[in-house]
C-alpha atoms as a PDB file:
ATOM      1  CA  MET A   1    -184.001  67.023   1.724  1.00  0.00           C
ATOM      2  CA  ALA A   2    -183.117  69.942   3.986  1.00  0.00           C
ATOM      3  CA  LEU A   3    -184.374  73.434   3.141  1.00  0.00           C
ATOM      4  CA  ASN A   4    -180.902  74.735   2.338  1.00  0.00           C
ATOM      5  CA  ASN A   5    -180.362  71.965  -0.216  1.00  0.00           C
ATOM      6  CA  LYS A   6    -183.674  72.832  -1.896  1.00  0.00           C
ATOM      7  CA  ILE A   7    -182.776  76.514  -2.101  1.00  0.00           C
ATOM      8  CA  LEU A   8    -179.296  75.777  -3.432  1.00  0.00           C
ATOM      9  CA  GLY A   9    -180.781  73.363  -5.967  1.00  0.00           C
ATOM     10  CA  VAL A  10    -182.919  76.227  -7.286  1.00  0.00           C
ATOM     11  CA  VAL A  11    -179.800  78.421  -7.345  1.00  0.00           C
ATOM     12  CA  THR A  12    -178.166  75.852  -9.638  1.00  0.00           C
ATOM     13  CA  LEU A  13    -181.050  76.235 -12.084  1.00  0.00           C
ATOM     14  CA  PHE A  14    -180.687  80.009 -11.861  1.00  0.00           C
ATOM     15  CA  TYR A  15    -177.014  79.781 -12.828  1.00  0.00           C
ATOM     16  CA  LEU A  16    -178.031  77.655 -15.806  1.00  0.00           C
ATOM     17  CA  CYS A  17    -180.553  80.317 -16.844  1.00  0.00           C
ATOM     18  CA  LEU A  18    -177.893  82.992 -16.359  1.00  0.00           C
ATOM     19  CA  PHE A  19    -175.530  81.211 -18.727  1.00  0.00           C
ATOM     20  CA  LEU A  20    -178.329  80.698 -21.262  1.00  0.00           C
ATOM     21  CA  ILE A  21    -179.114  84.423 -21.183  1.00  0.00           C
ATOM     22  CA  HIS A  22    -175.480  85.083 -22.049  1.00  0.00           C
ATOM     23  CA  LEU A  23    -175.747  82.628 -24.940  1.00  0.00           C
ATOM     24  CA  LEU A  24    -178.787  84.528 -26.207  1.00  0.00           C
ATOM     25  CA  TYR A  25    -176.769  87.728 -26.054  1.00  0.00           C
ATOM     26  CA  PHE A  26    -173.894  86.129 -27.999  1.00  0.00           C
ATOM     27  CA  ALA A  27    -176.355  84.914 -30.629  1.00  0.00           C
ATOM     28  CA  THR A  28    -178.324  88.152 -31.037  1.00  0.00           C
ATOM     29  CA  LYS A  29    -176.012  90.915 -29.717  1.00  0.00           C
ATOM     30  CA  LYS A  30    -179.073  92.573 -28.194  1.00  0.00           C
ATOM     31  CA  GLU A  31    -178.183  94.781 -25.234  1.00  0.00           C
ATOM     32  CA  SER A  32    -181.481  93.875 -23.563  1.00  0.00           C
ATOM     33  CA  PHE A  33    -180.157  90.359 -22.921  1.00  0.00           C
ATOM     34  CA  LEU A  34    -176.989  91.765 -21.378  1.00  0.00           C
ATOM     35  CA  LYS A  35    -179.013  93.994 -19.036  1.00  0.00           C
ATOM     36  CA  ALA A  36    -181.197  91.011 -18.159  1.00  0.00           C
ATOM     37  CA  ALA A  37    -178.077  88.958 -17.404  1.00  0.00           C
ATOM     38  CA  TRP A  38    -176.872  91.465 -14.807  1.00  0.00           C
ATOM     39  CA  ILE A  39    -180.306  91.664 -13.178  1.00  0.00           C
ATOM     40  CA  PHE A  40    -180.502  87.871 -13.116  1.00  0.00           C
ATOM     41  CA  LEU A  41    -177.003  87.710 -11.614  1.00  0.00           C
ATOM     42  CA  TYR A  42    -178.096  89.949  -8.741  1.00  0.00           C
ATOM     43  CA  VAL A  43    -181.184  87.810  -8.128  1.00  0.00           C
ATOM     44  CA  THR A  44    -179.165  84.586  -8.308  1.00  0.00           C
ATOM     45  CA  PHE A  45    -176.518  85.947  -5.961  1.00  0.00           C
ATOM     46  CA  GLY A  46    -179.193  87.051  -3.486  1.00  0.00           C
ATOM     47  CA  LEU A  47    -180.860  83.631  -3.486  1.00  0.00           C
ATOM     48  CA  HIS A  48    -177.454  81.960  -3.253  1.00  0.00           C
ATOM     49  CA  THR A  49    -176.725  84.072  -0.165  1.00  0.00           C
ATOM     50  CA  VAL A  50    -180.060  83.037   1.363  1.00  0.00           C
ATOM     51  CA  GLY A  51    -179.200  79.377   0.751  1.00  0.00           C
ATOM     52  CA  ILE A  52    -175.823  79.687   2.472  1.00  0.00           C
ATOM     53  CA  ILE A  53    -177.323  81.555   5.435  1.00  0.00           C
ATOM     54  CA  THR A  54    -180.091  78.946   5.716  1.00  0.00           C
ATOM     55  CA  ARG A  55    -177.527  76.157   5.854  1.00  0.00           C
ATOM     56  CA  TRP A  56    -175.609  78.102   8.500  1.00  0.00           C
ATOM     57  CA  ILE A  57    -178.770  78.506  10.612  1.00  0.00           C
ATOM     58  CA  GLU A  58    -179.722  74.847  10.196  1.00  0.00           C
ATOM     59  CA  SER A  59    -176.293  73.793  11.476  1.00  0.00           C
ATOM     60  CA  TYR A  60    -177.150  75.309  14.861  1.00  0.00           C
ATOM     61  CA  SER A  61    -180.121  73.044  15.369  1.00  0.00           C
ATOM     62  CA  PRO A  62    -180.600  69.280  15.140  1.00  0.00           C
ATOM     63  CA  TRP A  63    -184.040  70.008  13.665  1.00  0.00           C
ATOM     64  CA  THR A  64    -184.626  70.635   9.982  1.00  0.00           C
ATOM     65  CA  TRP A  65    -187.706  71.099   7.863  1.00  0.00           C
ATOM     66  CA  ASN A  66    -188.461  68.244   5.492  1.00  0.00           C
ATOM     67  CA  GLY A  67    -192.215  68.485   5.180  1.00  0.00           C
ATOM     68  CA  VAL A  68    -192.233  67.362   8.798  1.00  0.00           C
ATOM     69  CA  LEU A  69    -189.758  67.928  11.590  1.00  0.00           C
ATOM     70  CA  SER A  70    -186.981  65.363  11.537  1.00  0.00           C
ATOM     71  CA  LEU A  71    -183.568  64.756  13.065  1.00  0.00           C
ATOM     72  CA  PRO A  72    -181.039  64.098  10.289  1.00  0.00           C
ATOM     73  CA  TYR A  73    -178.239  66.158  11.798  1.00  0.00           C
ATOM     74  CA  PRO A  74    -176.043  65.174  14.731  1.00  0.00           C
ATOM     75  CA  GLN A  75    -176.042  67.305  17.847  1.00  0.00           C
ATOM     76  CA  GLY A  76    -173.275  69.878  18.069  1.00  0.00           C
ATOM     77  CA  PRO A  77    -172.498  73.590  17.796  1.00  0.00           C
ATOM     78  CA  GLY A  78    -173.369  75.302  14.548  1.00  0.00           C
ATOM     79  CA  HIS A  79    -170.800  76.616  12.116  1.00  0.00           C
ATOM     80  CA  ALA A  80    -170.414  78.568   8.903  1.00  0.00           C
ATOM     81  CA  PRO A  81    -170.913  76.303   5.862  1.00  0.00           C
ATOM     82  CA  LEU A  82    -167.229  76.248   4.905  1.00  0.00           C
ATOM     83  CA  SER A  83    -166.011  72.938   6.239  1.00  0.00           C
ATOM     84  CA  ASN A  84    -166.519  70.138   3.681  1.00  0.00           C
ATOM     85  CA  PHE A  85    -166.306  69.614  -0.070  1.00  0.00           C
ATOM     86  CA  TYR A  86    -169.981  70.348  -0.748  1.00  0.00           C
ATOM     87  CA  GLU A  87    -169.890  73.553   1.251  1.00  0.00           C
ATOM     88  CA  SER A  88    -166.648  74.661  -0.372  1.00  0.00           C
ATOM     89  CA  LEU A  89    -168.147  74.205  -3.856  1.00  0.00           C
ATOM     90  CA  ILE A  90    -171.255  76.269  -3.132  1.00  0.00           C
ATOM     91  CA  PHE A  91    -169.135  78.906  -1.405  1.00  0.00           C
ATOM     92  CA  TYR A  92    -166.694  79.053  -4.328  1.00  0.00           C
ATOM     93  CA  ALA A  93    -169.584  79.645  -6.734  1.00  0.00           C
ATOM     94  CA  TRP A  94    -170.841  82.399  -4.409  1.00  0.00           C
ATOM     95  CA  CYS A  95    -167.383  84.011  -4.338  1.00  0.00           C
ATOM     96  CA  ILE A  96    -167.196  83.986  -8.143  1.00  0.00           C
ATOM     97  CA  SER A  97    -170.512  85.835  -8.366  1.00  0.00           C
ATOM     98  CA  LEU A  98    -169.435  88.278  -5.658  1.00  0.00           C
ATOM     99  CA  THR A  99    -166.166  88.986  -7.470  1.00  0.00           C
ATOM    100  CA  VAL A 100    -167.941  89.592 -10.782  1.00  0.00           C
ATOM    101  CA  ILE A 101    -170.381  91.984  -9.089  1.00  0.00           C
ATOM    102  CA  LEU A 102    -167.653  93.897  -7.237  1.00  0.00           C
ATOM    103  CA  LEU A 103    -165.560  94.219 -10.402  1.00  0.00           C
ATOM    104  CA  LYS A 104    -168.515  95.072 -12.639  1.00  0.00           C
ATOM    105  CA  LYS A 105    -166.952  98.257 -14.007  1.00  0.00           C
ATOM    106  CA  LYS A 106    -163.771  96.409 -14.929  1.00  0.00           C
ATOM    107  CA  LEU A 107    -165.416  93.141 -16.021  1.00  0.00           C
ATOM    108  CA  SER A 108    -168.309  94.458 -18.087  1.00  0.00           C
ATOM    109  CA  VAL A 109    -167.351  92.047 -20.868  1.00  0.00           C
ATOM    110  CA  PRO A 110    -170.010  89.416 -21.660  1.00  0.00           C
ATOM    111  CA  ILE A 111    -167.529  86.694 -22.634  1.00  0.00           C
ATOM    112  CA  ILE A 112    -165.939  86.942 -19.170  1.00  0.00           C
ATOM    113  CA  THR A 113    -169.136  87.210 -17.127  1.00  0.00           C
ATOM    114  CA  GLY A 114    -170.765  84.476 -19.202  1.00  0.00           C
ATOM    115  CA  PHE A 115    -168.001  81.965 -18.641  1.00  0.00           C
ATOM    116  CA  ALA A 116    -167.646  83.006 -15.008  1.00  0.00           C
ATOM    117  CA  SER A 117    -171.310  82.041 -14.609  1.00  0.00           C
ATOM    118  CA  LEU A 118    -170.484  78.739 -16.327  1.00  0.00           C
ATOM    119  CA  ILE A 119    -167.781  78.006 -13.735  1.00  0.00           C
ATOM    120  CA  ALA A 120    -170.260  78.825 -10.959  1.00  0.00           C
ATOM    121  CA  LEU A 121    -172.836  76.593 -12.646  1.00  0.00           C
ATOM    122  CA  PHE A 122    -170.353  73.724 -12.810  1.00  0.00           C
ATOM    123  CA  CYS A 123    -169.523  74.060  -9.098  1.00  0.00           C
ATOM    124  CA  MET A 124    -173.193  74.223  -8.094  1.00  0.00           C
ATOM    125  CA  GLY A 125    -174.213  71.446 -10.466  1.00  0.00           C
ATOM    126  CA  TYR A 126    -171.523  69.083  -9.268  1.00  0.00           C
ATOM    127  CA  ALA A 127    -172.265  69.909  -5.632  1.00  0.00           C
ATOM    128  CA  SER A 128    -176.029  69.435  -6.084  1.00  0.00           C
ATOM    129  CA  LEU A 129    -176.113  66.411  -8.385  1.00  0.00           C
ATOM    130  CA  SER A 130    -172.978  64.315  -7.918  1.00  0.00           C
ATOM    131  CA  PRO A 131    -173.541  61.149  -5.834  1.00  0.00           C
ATOM    132  CA  ALA A 132    -169.914  61.423  -4.728  1.00  0.00           C
ATOM    133  CA  VAL A 133    -170.625  64.638  -2.778  1.00  0.00           C
ATOM    134  CA  ASP A 134    -172.048  64.328   0.725  1.00  0.00           C
ATOM    135  CA  ARG A 135    -174.550  67.136   1.341  1.00  0.00           C
ATOM    136  CA  LYS A 136    -175.259  66.427   5.016  1.00  0.00           C
ATOM    137  CA  ILE A 137    -174.351  68.932   7.709  1.00  0.00           C
ATOM    138  CA  GLU A 138    -171.757  67.442  10.019  1.00  0.00           C
ATOM    139  CA  PRO A 139    -170.302  68.841  13.255  1.00  0.00           C
ATOM    140  CA  LEU A 140    -166.860  70.378  13.032  1.00  0.00           C
ATOM    141  CA  ILE A 141    -163.838  68.524  14.325  1.00  0.00           C
ATOM    142  CA  PRO A 142    -162.203  70.387  17.264  1.00  0.00           C
ATOM    143  CA  ALA A 143    -159.352  71.788  15.130  1.00  0.00           C
ATOM    144  CA  LEU A 144    -161.859  73.556  12.870  1.00  0.00           C
ATOM    145  CA  GLN A 145    -163.870  75.099  15.689  1.00  0.00           C
ATOM    146  CA  SER A 146    -162.281  78.525  15.399  1.00  0.00           C
ATOM    147  CA  ASN A 147    -163.203  81.945  14.050  1.00  0.00           C
ATOM    148  CA  TRP A 148    -160.033  81.707  11.964  1.00  0.00           C
ATOM    149  CA  LEU A 149    -162.006  79.319   9.749  1.00  0.00           C
ATOM    150  CA  HIS A 150    -164.174  82.187   8.480  1.00  0.00           C
ATOM    151  CA  VAL A 151    -161.315  84.597   7.779  1.00  0.00           C
ATOM    152  CA  HIS A 152    -158.974  82.029   6.238  1.00  0.00           C
ATOM    153  CA  VAL A 153    -161.518  80.376   3.950  1.00  0.00           C
ATOM    154  CA  PHE A 154    -163.098  83.665   2.842  1.00  0.00           C
ATOM    155  CA  ALA A 155    -159.715  85.144   1.898  1.00  0.00           C
ATOM    156  CA  CYS A 156    -158.624  82.016   0.017  1.00  0.00           C
ATOM    157  CA  PHE A 157    -161.841  81.605  -1.922  1.00  0.00           C
ATOM    158  CA  ILE A 158    -162.097  85.256  -2.938  1.00  0.00           C
ATOM    159  CA  ALA A 159    -158.543  84.807  -4.242  1.00  0.00           C
ATOM    160  CA  TYR A 160    -159.532  81.626  -6.099  1.00  0.00           C
ATOM    161  CA  ALA A 161    -162.528  83.450  -7.613  1.00  0.00           C
ATOM    162  CA  ALA A 162    -160.365  86.340  -8.802  1.00  0.00           C
ATOM    163  CA  PHE A 163    -157.872  83.869 -10.264  1.00  0.00           C
ATOM    164  CA  ALA A 164    -160.712  82.177 -12.160  1.00  0.00           C
ATOM    165  CA  ILE A 165    -161.437  85.537 -13.816  1.00  0.00           C
ATOM    166  CA  SER A 166    -157.732  85.930 -14.550  1.00  0.00           C
ATOM    167  CA  PHE A 167    -157.670  82.456 -16.097  1.00  0.00           C
ATOM    168  CA  LEU A 168    -160.553  83.328 -18.420  1.00  0.00           C
ATOM    169  CA  CYS A 169    -158.822  86.543 -19.481  1.00  0.00           C
ATOM    170  CA  GLY A 170    -155.578  84.678 -20.191  1.00  0.00           C
ATOM    171  CA  LEU A 171    -157.385  81.910 -22.056  1.00  0.00           C
ATOM    172  CA  PHE A 172    -159.330  84.285 -24.266  1.00  0.00           C
ATOM    173  CA  TYR A 173    -156.195  86.350 -24.885  1.00  0.00           C
ATOM    174  CA  LEU A 174    -154.473  83.289 -26.325  1.00  0.00           C
ATOM    175  CA  PHE A 175    -157.508  82.093 -28.298  1.00  0.00           C
ATOM    176  CA  ARG A 176    -159.171  85.286 -29.443  1.00  0.00           C
ATOM    177  CA  LEU A 177    -162.083  84.864 -31.802  1.00  0.00           C
ATOM    178  CA  LYS A 178    -164.044  87.404 -33.777  1.00  0.00           C
ATOM    179  CA  GLY A 179    -166.079  89.661 -31.545  1.00  0.00           C
ATOM    180  CA  MET A 180    -163.903  89.163 -28.464  1.00  0.00           C
ATOM    181  CA  PRO A 181    -162.445  92.155 -26.585  1.00  0.00           C
ATOM    182  CA  ALA A 182    -159.116  93.604 -27.693  1.00  0.00           C
ATOM    183  CA  GLY A 183    -156.005  91.971 -26.323  1.00  0.00           C
ATOM    184  CA  GLU A 184    -155.098  95.078 -24.325  1.00  0.00           C
ATOM    185  CA  LYS A 185    -158.453  95.019 -22.515  1.00  0.00           C
ATOM    186  CA  LEU A 186    -158.134  91.321 -21.699  1.00  0.00           C
ATOM    187  CA  GLU A 187    -154.578  91.873 -20.469  1.00  0.00           C
ATOM    188  CA  GLU A 188    -155.667  94.735 -18.226  1.00  0.00           C
ATOM    189  CA  MET A 189    -158.554  92.701 -16.785  1.00  0.00           C
ATOM    190  CA  ASN A 190    -156.131  89.828 -16.203  1.00  0.00           C
ATOM    191  CA  TYR A 191    -153.837  92.126 -14.250  1.00  0.00           C
ATOM    192  CA  GLN A 192    -156.681  93.729 -12.260  1.00  0.00           C
ATOM    193  CA  SER A 193    -158.033  90.307 -11.275  1.00  0.00           C
ATOM    194  CA  ILE A 194    -154.640  89.180 -10.012  1.00  0.00           C
ATOM    195  CA  MET A 195    -154.252  92.442  -8.112  1.00  0.00           C
ATOM    196  CA  VAL A 196    -157.403  91.432  -6.219  1.00  0.00           C
ATOM    197  CA  GLY A 197    -156.505  87.758  -5.859  1.00  0.00           C
ATOM    198  CA  PHE A 198    -152.847  87.981  -4.881  1.00  0.00           C
ATOM    199  CA  PRO A 199    -153.251  90.005  -1.649  1.00  0.00           C
ATOM    200  CA  MET A 200    -156.252  87.876  -0.705  1.00  0.00           C
ATOM    201  CA  LEU A 201    -154.231  84.687  -1.221  1.00  0.00           C
ATOM    202  CA  THR A 202    -151.434  86.218   0.857  1.00  0.00           C
ATOM    203  CA  ALA A 203    -153.945  86.986   3.608  1.00  0.00           C
ATOM    204  CA  GLY A 204    -155.314  83.440   3.336  1.00  0.00           C
ATOM    205  CA  ILE A 205    -151.871  81.890   3.755  1.00  0.00           C
ATOM    206  CA  LEU A 206    -150.982  84.144   6.697  1.00  0.00           C
ATOM    207  CA  THR A 207    -154.266  83.568   8.531  1.00  0.00           C
ATOM    208  CA  GLY A 208    -153.924  79.865   7.800  1.00  0.00           C
ATOM    209  CA  ALA A 209    -150.508  79.872   9.439  1.00  0.00           C
ATOM    210  CA  VAL A 210    -151.875  81.593  12.550  1.00  0.00           C
ATOM    211  CA  TRP A 211    -154.790  79.147  12.649  1.00  0.00           C
ATOM    212  CA  ALA A 212    -152.436  76.174  12.222  1.00  0.00           C
ATOM    213  CA  ASN A 213    -150.398  77.356  15.189  1.00  0.00           C
ATOM    214  CA  TYR A 214    -153.587  77.683  17.238  1.00  0.00           C
ATOM    215  CA  ALA A 215    -154.911  74.259  16.194  1.00  0.00           C
ATOM    216  CA  TRP A 216    -151.777  72.128  15.834  1.00  0.00           C
ATOM    217  CA  GLY A 217    -149.013  74.088  17.540  1.00  0.00           C
ATOM    218  CA  ALA A 218    -146.990  74.989  14.418  1.00  0.00           C
ATOM    219  CA  TYR A 219    -147.300  77.827  11.913  1.00  0.00           C
ATOM    220  CA  TRP A 220    -146.151  75.687   8.989  1.00  0.00           C
ATOM    221  CA  SER A 221    -145.936  71.917   8.665  1.00  0.00           C
ATOM    222  CA  TRP A 222    -145.448  71.447   4.888  1.00  0.00           C
ATOM    223  CA  ASP A 223    -148.865  69.837   4.646  1.00  0.00           C
ATOM    224  CA  PRO A 224    -149.620  69.187   0.919  1.00  0.00           C
ATOM    225  CA  LYS A 225    -152.202  71.975   0.729  1.00  0.00           C
ATOM    226  CA  GLU A 226    -149.856  74.401   2.459  1.00  0.00           C
ATOM    227  CA  THR A 227    -147.109  73.491   0.014  1.00  0.00           C
ATOM    228  CA  TRP A 228    -149.313  73.881  -3.044  1.00  0.00           C
ATOM    229  CA  SER A 229    -150.726  77.147  -1.730  1.00  0.00           C
ATOM    230  CA  LEU A 230    -147.166  78.408  -1.549  1.00  0.00           C
ATOM    231  CA  ILE A 231    -146.481  77.188  -5.106  1.00  0.00           C
ATOM    232  CA  THR A 232    -149.608  79.021  -6.290  1.00  0.00           C
ATOM    233  CA  TRP A 233    -148.509  82.172  -4.473  1.00  0.00           C
ATOM    234  CA  ILE A 234    -145.089  81.977  -6.158  1.00  0.00           C
ATOM    235  CA  VAL A 235    -146.642  81.661  -9.633  1.00  0.00           C
ATOM    236  CA  TYR A 236    -148.720  84.807  -9.178  1.00  0.00           C
ATOM    237  CA  ALA A 237    -145.790  86.607  -7.537  1.00  0.00           C
ATOM    238  CA  LEU A 238    -143.806  85.780 -10.683  1.00  0.00           C
ATOM    239  CA  PHE A 239    -146.650  87.207 -12.786  1.00  0.00           C
ATOM    240  CA  LEU A 240    -146.512  90.520 -10.933  1.00  0.00           C
ATOM    241  CA  HIS A 241    -142.703  90.570 -10.862  1.00  0.00           C
ATOM    242  CA  ALA A 242    -142.515  89.896 -14.602  1.00  0.00           C
ATOM    243  CA  ARG A 243    -145.047  92.622 -15.356  1.00  0.00           C
ATOM    244  CA  PHE A 244    -143.578  95.292 -13.090  1.00  0.00           C
ATOM    245  CA  THR A 245    -139.838  94.720 -13.395  1.00  0.00           C
ATOM    246  CA  ARG A 246    -139.393  92.815 -16.643  1.00  0.00           C
ATOM    247  CA  GLY A 247    -142.043  94.536 -18.673  1.00  0.00           C
ATOM    248  CA  TRP A 248    -143.705  91.288 -19.759  1.00  0.00           C
ATOM    249  CA  LYS A 249    -146.902  91.618 -21.718  1.00  0.00           C
ATOM    250  CA  GLY A 250    -149.151  89.569 -23.954  1.00  0.00           C
ATOM    251  CA  ARG A 251    -148.873  85.832 -24.340  1.00  0.00           C
ATOM    252  CA  ARG A 252    -146.318  85.204 -21.610  1.00  0.00           C
ATOM    253  CA  LEU A 253    -148.495  86.797 -18.931  1.00  0.00           C
ATOM    254  CA  ALA A 254    -151.560  85.018 -20.304  1.00  0.00           C
ATOM    255  CA  LEU A 255    -149.739  81.699 -20.008  1.00  0.00           C
ATOM    256  CA  LEU A 256    -148.662  82.498 -16.439  1.00  0.00           C
ATOM    257  CA  SER A 257    -152.263  83.255 -15.440  1.00  0.00           C
ATOM    258  CA  ILE A 258    -153.353  79.906 -16.896  1.00  0.00           C
ATOM    259  CA  VAL A 259    -150.545  78.020 -15.119  1.00  0.00           C
ATOM    260  CA  GLY A 260    -151.443  79.836 -11.900  1.00  0.00           C
ATOM    261  CA  PHE A 261    -155.086  78.763 -12.103  1.00  0.00           C
ATOM    262  CA  LEU A 262    -154.114  75.152 -12.822  1.00  0.00           C
ATOM    263  CA  SER A 263    -152.102  75.339  -9.599  1.00  0.00           C
ATOM    264  CA  VAL A 264    -155.187  76.781  -7.858  1.00  0.00           C
ATOM    265  CA  ILE A 265    -157.303  73.857  -9.058  1.00  0.00           C
ATOM    266  CA  PHE A 266    -154.762  71.338  -7.828  1.00  0.00           C
ATOM    267  CA  THR A 267    -154.450  73.184  -4.505  1.00  0.00           C
ATOM    268  CA  TYR A 268    -158.224  73.256  -4.076  1.00  0.00           C
ATOM    269  CA  ILE A 269    -159.295  69.871  -5.466  1.00  0.00           C
ATOM    270  CA  GLY A 270    -156.316  67.780  -6.524  1.00  0.00           C
ATOM    271  CA  VAL A 271    -154.608  67.791  -3.142  1.00  0.00           C
ATOM    272  CA  ASN A 272    -157.781  66.519  -1.456  1.00  0.00           C
ATOM    273  CA  PHE A 273    -158.105  63.493  -3.717  1.00  0.00           C
ATOM    274  CA  VAL A 274    -154.519  62.713  -4.704  1.00  0.00           C
ATOM    275  CA  LEU A 275    -152.633  63.572  -1.525  1.00  0.00           C
ATOM    276  CA  SER A 276    -153.583  63.206   2.125  1.00  0.00           C
ATOM    277  CA  GLY A 277    -153.091  65.833   4.747  1.00  0.00           C
ATOM    278  CA  LEU A 278    -154.626  67.980   7.460  1.00  0.00           C
ATOM    279  CA  HIS A 279    -156.722  69.883   4.920  1.00  0.00           C
ATOM    280  CA  SER A 280    -158.158  66.903   3.058  1.00  0.00           C
ATOM    281  CA  TYR A 281    -161.927  66.692   2.708  1.00  0.00           C
ATOM    282  CA  GLY A 282    -162.135  64.807  -0.535  1.00  0.00           C
ATOM    283  CA  SER A 283    -164.283  62.108   1.006  1.00  0.00           C
ATOM    284  CA  SER A 284    -166.699  64.557   2.651  1.00  0.00           C
END
């Protein structure tokens, strides 16, 4: 097993511990557990970053450390770990943690941070343990050998992470239990998350169009992922339009944020397995 896989395997365990710390807070309501959760999030995020950087470095060399030097990787130029399903899962988990950290002042609600860590745990766990996920480093196909890869994928996945937070806010707004934040707070966090995600998704679509023209000679080809990205963009544009011009509040906006995230999931995962196209990496 390559060093990056070992590090990221440990990161998966850290996300599990992070979620368990949140459960201890929910059970005891002791602020010490909440403070420990934030400290543990920073540590987990730091180690997660090290794991991603290690994988990036290892992609530049055919050599990897496995107790002894070995040659499991094909020759080829290195690349950022953003190109296959495994790498997208670990990067999505990283983006969720980054988003929670950056929005700490607005998302200092344990039910949101706890379940955000659960989503990250699911991504890392599936990536690390599923036999269906190939964890080898492979050389990029020529169309992906571009700096646009970094900008496009980063923008899209920060958007997806923000929309995951929005989804949680909408879900908990609809199914509020005792001890949950007030509906107004959840609604405001929902809106703030979409205000982060929507411009990032817009940037992701625009940079993707420029990259597509560079790689395939056309800005837009109605590839399934392009089409579903546009559908997702429209759903969140409707959310903002309804809030600003129609004065929508409450359940209707919560439902729109849930529908939007379902579209995100299909754009990210469903298209790769159900539909075929230029963006498909479901078998990787």
